[in-house]
Amino acid sequence: MYWERCPAQRDTVRDLVNAGRLRLTSSGVTTADTLLPSAEAILRDFLVGQEWLRANAMKQEPKVAYFTDSFGSEVPPRFLLFLF
């Protein structure tokens, strides 16, 4: 993770995020497989990401629902419920 590899940049990144000059999308910790994990597991991944942001003094809460399909399968319709 960039945050761990580049500790000297943390203040810069934090300042950019908190000033609204760097926008975050989503908040997941991982790129989730959409076929195997349950919807709850994926939601918990997003919650862990939001907790990480708060623990590292990031005041921005992502407002963009960015849900990748890195494994090339279609996103199951049940995940569309996340948007509403």
PDB file of N, CA and C in Angstrom:
ATOM      1  N   MET A   1       0.842  -1.166   0.000  1.00  0.00           N
ATOM      2  CA  MET A   1       0.000   0.000   0.000  1.00  0.00           C
ATOM      3  C   MET A   1       0.897   1.242   0.000  1.00  0.00           C
ATOM      4  N   TYR A   2       0.527   2.201  -0.816  1.00  0.00           N
ATOM      5  CA  TYR A   2       1.304   3.436  -0.947  1.00  0.00           C
ATOM      6  C   TYR A   2       1.538   4.080   0.415  1.00  0.00           C
ATOM      7  N   TRP A   3       0.523   4.098   1.234  1.00  0.00           N
ATOM      8  CA  TRP A   3       0.601   4.735   2.554  1.00  0.00           C
ATOM      9  C   TRP A   3       1.731   4.138   3.385  1.00  0.00           C
ATOM     10  N   GLU A   4       1.907   2.838   3.302  1.00  0.00           N
ATOM     11  CA  GLU A   4       2.960   2.157   4.062  1.00  0.00           C
ATOM     12  C   GLU A   4       4.332   2.333   3.414  1.00  0.00           C
ATOM     13  N   ARG A   5       4.382   2.340   2.098  1.00  0.00           N
ATOM     14  CA  ARG A   5       5.666   2.437   1.390  1.00  0.00           C
ATOM     15  C   ARG A   5       6.241   3.840   1.383  1.00  0.00           C
ATOM     16  N   CYS A   6       5.407   4.850   1.494  1.00  0.00           N
ATOM     17  CA  CYS A   6       5.857   6.243   1.364  1.00  0.00           C
ATOM     18  C   CYS A   6       5.411   7.088   2.553  1.00  0.00           C
ATOM     19  N   PRO A   7       5.896   6.789   3.746  1.00  0.00           N
ATOM     20  CA  PRO A   7       5.442   7.540   4.919  1.00  0.00           C
ATOM     21  C   PRO A   7       5.750   9.034   4.843  1.00  0.00           C
ATOM     22  N   ALA A   8       6.771   9.415   4.104  1.00  0.00           N
ATOM     23  CA  ALA A   8       7.118  10.834   3.992  1.00  0.00           C
ATOM     24  C   ALA A   8       6.038  11.625   3.251  1.00  0.00           C
ATOM     25  N   GLN A   9       5.184  10.947   2.502  1.00  0.00           N
ATOM     26  CA  GLN A   9       4.138  11.615   1.722  1.00  0.00           C
ATOM     27  C   GLN A   9       2.796  11.686   2.447  1.00  0.00           C
ATOM     28  N   ARG A  10       2.713  11.107   3.615  1.00  0.00           N
ATOM     29  CA  ARG A  10       1.413  11.031   4.302  1.00  0.00           C
ATOM     30  C   ARG A  10       0.790  12.395   4.558  1.00  0.00           C
ATOM     31  N   ASP A  11       1.573  13.330   5.072  1.00  0.00           N
ATOM     32  CA  ASP A  11       1.012  14.654   5.354  1.00  0.00           C
ATOM     33  C   ASP A  11       0.525  15.332   4.079  1.00  0.00           C
ATOM     34  N   THR A  12       1.282  15.184   2.999  1.00  0.00           N
ATOM     35  CA  THR A  12       0.886  15.785   1.723  1.00  0.00           C
ATOM     36  C   THR A  12      -0.422  15.183   1.226  1.00  0.00           C
ATOM     37  N   VAL A  13      -0.511  13.867   1.239  1.00  0.00           N
ATOM     38  CA  VAL A  13      -1.732  13.196   0.781  1.00  0.00           C
ATOM     39  C   VAL A  13      -2.905  13.589   1.669  1.00  0.00           C
ATOM     40  N   ARG A  14      -2.709  13.553   2.971  1.00  0.00           N
ATOM     41  CA  ARG A  14      -3.782  13.908   3.913  1.00  0.00           C
ATOM     42  C   ARG A  14      -4.257  15.343   3.664  1.00  0.00           C
ATOM     43  N   ASP A  15      -3.310  16.266   3.477  1.00  0.00           N
ATOM     44  CA  ASP A  15      -3.681  17.664   3.236  1.00  0.00           C
ATOM     45  C   ASP A  15      -4.458  17.823   1.928  1.00  0.00           C
ATOM     46  N   LEU A  16      -4.027  17.124   0.881  1.00  0.00           N
ATOM     47  CA  LEU A  16      -4.736  17.195  -0.405  1.00  0.00           C
ATOM     48  C   LEU A  16      -6.153  16.644  -0.288  1.00  0.00           C
ATOM     49  N   VAL A  17      -6.302  15.534   0.408  1.00  0.00           N
ATOM     50  CA  VAL A  17      -7.629  14.938   0.598  1.00  0.00           C
ATOM     51  C   VAL A  17      -8.513  15.868   1.414  1.00  0.00           C
ATOM     52  N   ASN A  18      -7.992  16.365   2.515  1.00  0.00           N
ATOM     53  CA  ASN A  18      -8.804  17.200   3.399  1.00  0.00           C
ATOM     54  C   ASN A  18      -9.138  18.560   2.791  1.00  0.00           C
ATOM     55  N   ALA A  19      -8.307  19.023   1.845  1.00  0.00           N
ATOM     56  CA  ALA A  19      -8.585  20.285   1.157  1.00  0.00           C
ATOM     57  C   ALA A  19      -9.511  20.083  -0.045  1.00  0.00           C
ATOM     58  N   GLY A  20      -9.840  18.823  -0.351  1.00  0.00           N
ATOM     59  CA  GLY A  20     -10.706  18.534  -1.483  1.00  0.00           C
ATOM     60  C   GLY A  20      -9.990  18.581  -2.823  1.00  0.00           C
ATOM     61  N   ARG A  21      -8.671  18.596  -2.799  1.00  0.00           N
ATOM     62  CA  ARG A  21      -7.894  18.643  -4.047  1.00  0.00           C
ATOM     63  C   ARG A  21      -7.579  17.250  -4.578  1.00  0.00           C
ATOM     64  N   LEU A  22      -7.739  16.243  -3.748  1.00  0.00           N
ATOM     65  CA  LEU A  22      -7.588  14.846  -4.153  1.00  0.00           C
ATOM     66  C   LEU A  22      -8.862  14.135  -3.727  1.00  0.00           C
ATOM     67  N   ARG A  23      -9.619  13.660  -4.680  1.00  0.00           N
ATOM     68  CA  ARG A  23     -10.894  12.998  -4.384  1.00  0.00           C
ATOM     69  C   ARG A  23     -10.713  11.494  -4.355  1.00  0.00           C
ATOM     70  N   LEU A  24     -11.322  10.884  -3.384  1.00  0.00           N
ATOM     71  CA  LEU A  24     -11.264   9.438  -3.236  1.00  0.00           C
ATOM     72  C   LEU A  24     -12.525   8.823  -3.823  1.00  0.00           C
ATOM     73  N   THR A  25     -12.364   7.688  -4.472  1.00  0.00           N
ATOM     74  CA  THR A  25     -13.529   6.963  -4.970  1.00  0.00           C
ATOM     75  C   THR A  25     -13.626   5.660  -4.207  1.00  0.00           C
ATOM     76  N   SER A  26     -14.843   5.328  -3.872  1.00  0.00           N
ATOM     77  CA  SER A  26     -15.077   4.110  -3.122  1.00  0.00           C
ATOM     78  C   SER A  26     -14.332   4.191  -1.800  1.00  0.00           C
ATOM     79  N   SER A  27     -14.170   3.112  -1.129  1.00  0.00           N
ATOM     80  CA  SER A  27     -13.348   3.114   0.081  1.00  0.00           C
ATOM     81  C   SER A  27     -12.956   1.699   0.434  1.00  0.00           C
ATOM     82  N   GLY A  28     -13.090   0.809  -0.500  1.00  0.00           N
ATOM     83  CA  GLY A  28     -12.742  -0.579  -0.232  1.00  0.00           C
ATOM     84  C   GLY A  28     -11.260  -0.771  -0.001  1.00  0.00           C
ATOM     85  N   VAL A  29     -10.951  -1.762   0.783  1.00  0.00           N
ATOM     86  CA  VAL A  29      -9.566  -2.095   1.076  1.00  0.00           C
ATOM     87  C   VAL A  29      -9.010  -2.998  -0.013  1.00  0.00           C
ATOM     88  N   THR A  30      -9.873  -3.779  -0.638  1.00  0.00           N
ATOM     89  CA  THR A  30      -9.452  -4.716  -1.678  1.00  0.00           C
ATOM     90  C   THR A  30     -10.299  -4.517  -2.927  1.00  0.00           C
ATOM     91  N   THR A  31      -9.887  -5.154  -4.006  1.00  0.00           N
ATOM     92  CA  THR A  31     -10.723  -5.247  -5.196  1.00  0.00           C
ATOM     93  C   THR A  31     -11.457  -6.572  -5.067  1.00  0.00           C
ATOM     94  N   ALA A  32     -12.706  -6.485  -4.763  1.00  0.00           N
ATOM     95  CA  ALA A  32     -13.462  -7.690  -4.418  1.00  0.00           C
ATOM     96  C   ALA A  32     -13.832  -8.527  -5.629  1.00  0.00           C
ATOM     97  N   ASP A  33     -13.780  -9.827  -5.445  1.00  0.00           N
ATOM     98  CA  ASP A  33     -14.354 -10.764  -6.407  1.00  0.00           C
ATOM     99  C   ASP A  33     -15.866 -10.635  -6.233  1.00  0.00           C
ATOM    100  N   THR A  34     -16.595 -10.540  -7.316  1.00  0.00           N
ATOM    101  CA  THR A  34     -18.044 -10.340  -7.192  1.00  0.00           C
ATOM    102  C   THR A  34     -18.834 -11.636  -7.185  1.00  0.00           C
ATOM    103  N   LEU A  35     -18.175 -12.760  -7.402  1.00  0.00           N
ATOM    104  CA  LEU A  35     -18.905 -14.025  -7.448  1.00  0.00           C
ATOM    105  C   LEU A  35     -18.855 -14.805  -6.141  1.00  0.00           C
ATOM    106  N   LEU A  36     -17.740 -14.796  -5.450  1.00  0.00           N
ATOM    107  CA  LEU A  36     -17.595 -15.642  -4.264  1.00  0.00           C
ATOM    108  C   LEU A  36     -18.020 -14.993  -2.948  1.00  0.00           C
ATOM    109  N   PRO A  37     -17.559 -13.799  -2.623  1.00  0.00           N
ATOM    110  CA  PRO A  37     -17.928 -13.240  -1.321  1.00  0.00           C
ATOM    111  C   PRO A  37     -19.393 -12.819  -1.279  1.00  0.00           C
ATOM    112  N   SER A  38     -19.912 -12.824  -0.087  1.00  0.00           N
ATOM    113  CA  SER A  38     -21.294 -12.373   0.095  1.00  0.00           C
ATOM    114  C   SER A  38     -21.349 -10.851  -0.013  1.00  0.00           C
ATOM    115  N   ALA A  39     -22.557 -10.350  -0.211  1.00  0.00           N
ATOM    116  CA  ALA A  39     -22.747  -8.901  -0.254  1.00  0.00           C
ATOM    117  C   ALA A  39     -22.295  -8.278   1.062  1.00  0.00           C
ATOM    118  N   GLU A  40     -22.563  -8.960   2.169  1.00  0.00           N
ATOM    119  CA  GLU A  40     -22.145  -8.439   3.473  1.00  0.00           C
ATOM    120  C   GLU A  40     -20.628  -8.315   3.560  1.00  0.00           C
ATOM    121  N   ALA A  41     -19.908  -9.298   3.058  1.00  0.00           N
ATOM    122  CA  ALA A  41     -18.440  -9.251   3.104  1.00  0.00           C
ATOM    123  C   ALA A  41     -17.905  -8.063   2.313  1.00  0.00           C
ATOM    124  N   ILE A  42     -18.505  -7.806   1.173  1.00  0.00           N
ATOM    125  CA  ILE A  42     -18.049  -6.675   0.361  1.00  0.00           C
ATOM    126  C   ILE A  42     -18.388  -5.354   1.043  1.00  0.00           C
ATOM    127  N   LEU A  43     -19.569  -5.255   1.625  1.00  0.00           N
ATOM    128  CA  LEU A  43     -19.923  -4.038   2.359  1.00  0.00           C
ATOM    129  C   LEU A  43     -18.988  -3.815   3.542  1.00  0.00           C
ATOM    130  N   ARG A  44     -18.638  -4.883   4.232  1.00  0.00           N
ATOM    131  CA  ARG A  44     -17.709  -4.757   5.357  1.00  0.00           C
ATOM    132  C   ARG A  44     -16.334  -4.274   4.891  1.00  0.00           C
ATOM    133  N   ASP A  45     -15.918  -4.687   3.698  1.00  0.00           N
ATOM    134  CA  ASP A  45     -14.659  -4.211   3.130  1.00  0.00           C
ATOM    135  C   ASP A  45     -14.703  -2.691   2.963  1.00  0.00           C
ATOM    136  N   PHE A  46     -15.825  -2.176   2.477  1.00  0.00           N
ATOM    137  CA  PHE A  46     -15.971  -0.730   2.344  1.00  0.00           C
ATOM    138  C   PHE A  46     -15.965  -0.053   3.715  1.00  0.00           C
ATOM    139  N   LEU A  47     -16.606  -0.660   4.695  1.00  0.00           N
ATOM    140  CA  LEU A  47     -16.612  -0.084   6.040  1.00  0.00           C
ATOM    141  C   LEU A  47     -15.212  -0.041   6.642  1.00  0.00           C
ATOM    142  N   VAL A  48     -14.445  -1.101   6.451  1.00  0.00           N
ATOM    143  CA  VAL A  48     -13.058  -1.121   6.941  1.00  0.00           C
ATOM    144  C   VAL A  48     -12.270   0.011   6.283  1.00  0.00           C
ATOM    145  N   GLY A  49     -12.486   0.219   4.997  1.00  0.00           N
ATOM    146  CA  GLY A  49     -11.809   1.310   4.297  1.00  0.00           C
ATOM    147  C   GLY A  49     -12.183   2.669   4.860  1.00  0.00           C
ATOM    148  N   GLN A  50     -13.453   2.874   5.167  1.00  0.00           N
ATOM    149  CA  GLN A  50     -13.885   4.145   5.750  1.00  0.00           C
ATOM    150  C   GLN A  50     -13.305   4.342   7.142  1.00  0.00           C
ATOM    151  N   GLU A  51     -13.227   3.275   7.914  1.00  0.00           N
ATOM    152  CA  GLU A  51     -12.603   3.367   9.240  1.00  0.00           C
ATOM    153  C   GLU A  51     -11.126   3.721   9.113  1.00  0.00           C
ATOM    154  N   TRP A  52     -10.452   3.148   8.108  1.00  0.00           N
ATOM    155  CA  TRP A  52      -9.039   3.452   7.886  1.00  0.00           C
ATOM    156  C   TRP A  52      -8.862   4.932   7.562  1.00  0.00           C
ATOM    157  N   LEU A  53      -9.738   5.467   6.715  1.00  0.00           N
ATOM    158  CA  LEU A  53      -9.649   6.890   6.376  1.00  0.00           C
ATOM    159  C   LEU A  53      -9.783   7.753   7.625  1.00  0.00           C
ATOM    160  N   ARG A  54     -10.758   7.456   8.463  1.00  0.00           N
ATOM    161  CA  ARG A  54     -10.951   8.230   9.696  1.00  0.00           C
ATOM    162  C   ARG A  54      -9.766   8.075  10.642  1.00  0.00           C
ATOM    163  N   ALA A  55      -9.239   6.857  10.763  1.00  0.00           N
ATOM    164  CA  ALA A  55      -8.101   6.609  11.657  1.00  0.00           C
ATOM    165  C   ALA A  55      -6.849   7.350  11.199  1.00  0.00           C
ATOM    166  N   ASN A  56      -6.783   7.677   9.918  1.00  0.00           N
ATOM    167  CA  ASN A  56      -5.625   8.388   9.380  1.00  0.00           C
ATOM    168  C   ASN A  56      -5.936   9.856   9.094  1.00  0.00           C
ATOM    169  N   ALA A  57      -6.930  10.376   9.803  1.00  0.00           N
ATOM    170  CA  ALA A  57      -7.293  11.798   9.791  1.00  0.00           C
ATOM    171  C   ALA A  57      -7.739  12.310   8.427  1.00  0.00           C
ATOM    172  N   MET A  58      -8.370  11.448   7.649  1.00  0.00           N
ATOM    173  CA  MET A  58      -8.935  11.882   6.369  1.00  0.00           C
ATOM    174  C   MET A  58     -10.385  12.267   6.627  1.00  0.00           C
ATOM    175  N   LYS A  59     -10.731  13.498   6.315  1.00  0.00           N
ATOM    176  CA  LYS A  59     -12.073  13.985   6.618  1.00  0.00           C
ATOM    177  C   LYS A  59     -13.070  13.713   5.499  1.00  0.00           C
ATOM    178  N   GLN A  60     -12.569  13.378   4.320  1.00  0.00           N
ATOM    179  CA  GLN A  60     -13.440  13.146   3.169  1.00  0.00           C
ATOM    180  C   GLN A  60     -14.075  11.758   3.238  1.00  0.00           C
ATOM    181  N   GLU A  61     -15.356  11.702   2.943  1.00  0.00           N
ATOM    182  CA  GLU A  61     -16.026  10.413   2.801  1.00  0.00           C
ATOM    183  C   GLU A  61     -16.363  10.245   1.328  1.00  0.00           C
ATOM    184  N   PRO A  62     -15.871   9.189   0.695  1.00  0.00           N
ATOM    185  CA  PRO A  62     -16.132   8.990  -0.729  1.00  0.00           C
ATOM    186  C   PRO A  62     -17.629   8.975  -1.030  1.00  0.00           C
ATOM    187  N   LYS A  63     -18.002   9.665  -2.089  1.00  0.00           N
ATOM    188  CA  LYS A  63     -19.406   9.737  -2.480  1.00  0.00           C
ATOM    189  C   LYS A  63     -19.648   9.079  -3.840  1.00  0.00           C
ATOM    190  N   VAL A  64     -18.604   8.528  -4.425  1.00  0.00           N
ATOM    191  CA  VAL A  64     -18.704   7.873  -5.725  1.00  0.00           C
ATOM    192  C   VAL A  64     -18.754   6.370  -5.515  1.00  0.00           C
ATOM    193  N   ALA A  65     -19.754   5.733  -6.102  1.00  0.00           N
ATOM    194  CA  ALA A  65     -19.869   4.279  -6.001  1.00  0.00           C
ATOM    195  C   ALA A  65     -19.079   3.664  -7.147  1.00  0.00           C
ATOM    196  N   TYR A  66     -17.839   3.343  -6.885  1.00  0.00           N
ATOM    197  CA  TYR A  66     -16.957   2.756  -7.895  1.00  0.00           C
ATOM    198  C   TYR A  66     -16.779   1.294  -7.545  1.00  0.00           C
ATOM    199  N   PHE A  67     -17.340   0.445  -8.375  1.00  0.00           N
ATOM    200  CA  PHE A  67     -17.324  -0.982  -8.085  1.00  0.00           C
ATOM    201  C   PHE A  67     -16.731  -1.697  -9.281  1.00  0.00           C
ATOM    202  N   THR A  68     -15.477  -2.081  -9.185  1.00  0.00           N
ATOM    203  CA  THR A  68     -14.788  -2.692 -10.320  1.00  0.00           C
ATOM    204  C   THR A  68     -15.175  -4.154 -10.492  1.00  0.00           C
ATOM    205  N   ASP A  69     -14.970  -4.628 -11.685  1.00  0.00           N
ATOM    206  CA  ASP A  69     -15.173  -6.042 -11.997  1.00  0.00           C
ATOM    207  C   ASP A  69     -13.844  -6.564 -12.540  1.00  0.00           C
ATOM    208  N   SER A  70     -12.865  -6.652 -11.672  1.00  0.00           N
ATOM    209  CA  SER A  70     -11.500  -6.983 -12.069  1.00  0.00           C
ATOM    210  C   SER A  70     -11.337  -8.397 -12.594  1.00  0.00           C
ATOM    211  N   PHE A  71     -12.256  -9.257 -12.291  1.00  0.00           N
ATOM    212  CA  PHE A  71     -12.105 -10.652 -12.676  1.00  0.00           C
ATOM    213  C   PHE A  71     -12.857 -11.001 -13.956  1.00  0.00           C
ATOM    214  N   GLY A  72     -13.492 -10.013 -14.579  1.00  0.00           N
ATOM    215  CA  GLY A  72     -14.115 -10.224 -15.874  1.00  0.00           C
ATOM    216  C   GLY A  72     -15.482 -10.868 -15.863  1.00  0.00           C
ATOM    217  N   SER A  73     -16.080 -10.993 -14.717  1.00  0.00           N
ATOM    218  CA  SER A  73     -17.438 -11.527 -14.661  1.00  0.00           C
ATOM    219  C   SER A  73     -18.401 -10.349 -14.571  1.00  0.00           C
ATOM    220  N   GLU A  74     -19.637 -10.598 -14.845  1.00  0.00           N
ATOM    221  CA  GLU A  74     -20.617  -9.525 -14.713  1.00  0.00           C
ATOM    222  C   GLU A  74     -20.909  -9.287 -13.243  1.00  0.00           C
ATOM    223  N   VAL A  75     -21.196  -8.053 -12.920  1.00  0.00           N
ATOM    224  CA  VAL A  75     -21.565  -7.733 -11.546  1.00  0.00           C
ATOM    225  C   VAL A  75     -22.973  -8.268 -11.310  1.00  0.00           C
ATOM    226  N   PRO A  76     -23.143  -9.149 -10.321  1.00  0.00           N
ATOM    227  CA  PRO A  76     -24.475  -9.691 -10.047  1.00  0.00           C
ATOM    228  C   PRO A  76     -25.469  -8.582  -9.696  1.00  0.00           C
ATOM    229  N   PRO A  77     -26.704  -8.712 -10.146  1.00  0.00           N
ATOM    230  CA  PRO A  77     -27.708  -7.675  -9.902  1.00  0.00           C
ATOM    231  C   PRO A  77     -27.879  -7.306  -8.432  1.00  0.00           C
ATOM    232  N   ARG A  78     -27.629  -8.241  -7.516  1.00  0.00           N
ATOM    233  CA  ARG A  78     -27.824  -7.921  -6.088  1.00  0.00           C
ATOM    234  C   ARG A  78     -26.936  -6.766  -5.645  1.00  0.00           C
ATOM    235  N   PHE A  79     -25.797  -6.558  -6.328  1.00  0.00           N
ATOM    236  CA  PHE A  79     -24.894  -5.482  -5.935  1.00  0.00           C
ATOM    237  C   PHE A  79     -25.395  -4.116  -6.369  1.00  0.00           C
ATOM    238  N   LEU A  80     -26.329  -4.083  -7.300  1.00  0.00           N
ATOM    239  CA  LEU A  80     -26.915  -2.807  -7.687  1.00  0.00           C
ATOM    240  C   LEU A  80     -27.697  -2.204  -6.529  1.00  0.00           C
ATOM    241  N   LEU A  81     -28.111  -3.033  -5.588  1.00  0.00           N
ATOM    242  CA  LEU A  81     -28.833  -2.538  -4.411  1.00  0.00           C
ATOM    243  C   LEU A  81     -27.956  -1.637  -3.557  1.00  0.00           C
ATOM    244  N   PHE A  82     -26.628  -1.764  -3.669  1.00  0.00           N
ATOM    245  CA  PHE A  82     -25.716  -0.909  -2.903  1.00  0.00           C
ATOM    246  C   PHE A  82     -25.912   0.559  -3.248  1.00  0.00           C
ATOM    247  N   LEU A  83     -26.377   0.825  -4.448  1.00  0.00           N
ATOM    248  CA  LEU A  83     -26.473   2.203  -4.922  1.00  0.00           C
ATOM    249  C   LEU A  83     -27.718   2.918  -4.433  1.00  0.00           C
ATOM    250  N   PHE A  84     -28.644   2.183  -3.857  1.00  0.00           N
ATOM    251  CA  PHE A  84     -29.907   2.807  -3.466  1.00  0.00           C
ATOM    252  C   PHE A  84     -30.156   2.734  -1.988  1.00  0.00           C
TER     253      PHE A  84
END
